Amino acid sequence: MFKQILNKYMQGDKRTVLLKKNILGSFFIKGWTCLVQLLLVPVTLNCLNQYEYGIWLTINSLLIWIDSFDIGLGNGLRNRLAASIAINDVGRARKQVSTAFFMLVLIILPTIVLFTGIIHHTDCYALLNVDRQTTQHLESILTISYIVVATTFIFKFVGNVYMALQLPAISNLLIAIGQTLSLVLIFVASQFTTVTLLHVAIIYTASPLLVYLLSYPITFTKYKMLAPSIALFDRNELRPLFGLGVKFFFIQIGGLIIFASSNLLISRLFSPKEVTPYQIAHRYFGLVNILFTIISAPLWSATTDAYMRKDWQWIRHTTRKMRKVMVATTTLLLVMAAIAHQVYMLWVGSEVEIPSAMSVAMMVYMVVVVYGTCYSNFICGIGKIRLLTIITVAEALVYIPLAVWLSQRYGVIGIVIALILVNLVSAIVNHVQFSKLCNNTAKSIWNL
């Protein structure tokens, strides 16, 4: 019976079958990742109090900014490499991988020197609104975390290679292993010693680095035709990689301002303690976004492949299926909102109080995110992202003053309302642009 269902699921052309295999693989891998992320909250809260945990969440949101340091190079590589593989140009593919890797090294190493100096000359306690008497060694925590995460970022490009190969399940597996290692190490450490904020920072950041360091030789032993070589660094590849990559860079920066600054805003405007209930609600409802991403993420490179082959029929057919998935995830979010209080009690107990209004607001926010993501992966795969870039940058400029203004009236909930409003704009624009592209009516900025 199970074999018959699996065989029916795996029907389709080569691209569709590969897509389905990765969705199925990612489903189990991401399912495990979700479980690990859920377990990390009570395990970490068992080591840190709510105030310290809020500090770590704020620091972690600052570290996410490192993702923008490649100036969009990772996503540029993902699209260009997928296009080279689609036309079987292996020689150019290896040049693209080599050029991207060594450019990452050249970009990241100077930032380590620069930002460790900035951290040393900045009043970190005032920046994060942290009590000096409550938390010690904040500068050391920030410095160590930054150096480790920046180093990880160089080798994390392996994930972009797997994305270009239409193997996002492997990229997800590397992330899952890193987070699982963090969970195991924090739990084991808590059994033998008193775990401090410094210990948590080291474990959280060093675990992914170890995984990527081990994955690098394994990946390029299997895919020798893509192995980076300094001799294959090609300046001529910089322009096509950065040309598309710079657009992704502005999208990344805009997205980071919108998504990653919320913890810092809450810490600055209220207290690090208030970051914890916000993040718990975000992580709970974010499970649905993770589930939707499992299904939608493989569409990016698959769409690049289809677009290069002018297979619009496949793109339209796949979009119709994704709309059905979007309706299902919205229904699931409504159910999760109805049982949120009971889940919070079972998950983190009564120590952290999450208001019902926070749950409702976060549920609406995730509905908007899923709606926008449904179309953005197709648009990014096609590479027509100028409008998306402009909209994202505009939203980023509006978000912080809007969040501050709304938070003065509605508290922490106001920040979530601001997230809903700015993301709704891009979600609607994504839908309209994709419809125009599919119907061959996209002109001017809609087709750039």
Foldseek 3Di string as FASTA:
>chain_A
DVVVVVVVQCDDDPLSNLLSVLLVLLLVLVVLLLVLVLLCLQLVCVQPPLQLVLVLLLLVLVLLCLLLQLLLLLLLLLQVLLLCVLVPVLLVNLLSLQQSLVSLVVRLVVVLVVVLVVLVPDPVCLQLVHDPVVDPPPSVLSSLLNVLQSLLSSLLSLCSVCLSVLNNSVSSNLVSQLSVQLSVVSNVCVVPDRDDSSNSSCSNRNSSSVSSVVVLVVSCVVVVSNNHDNVSHDPVSCCSSNVLSNLVSLLSVLVSLLPSCLSSCQCNVPNSSVSNLLVVLLSQLCSLVSSLCSSQSSVQSSLLSCVSVVPLVVVVVVLVVSVVVLVVSLVVLVVCLVCVVVVCCVRNNDSDDHDSLSNVLSSLLSSLVSLQSSQVSNCSSNSLCPVVSVLSNVLSVVLPVQLVVQCVVVNSSSSSVSSNVSSNVNSVVSVVLSVCVSVVNQDDSSRD
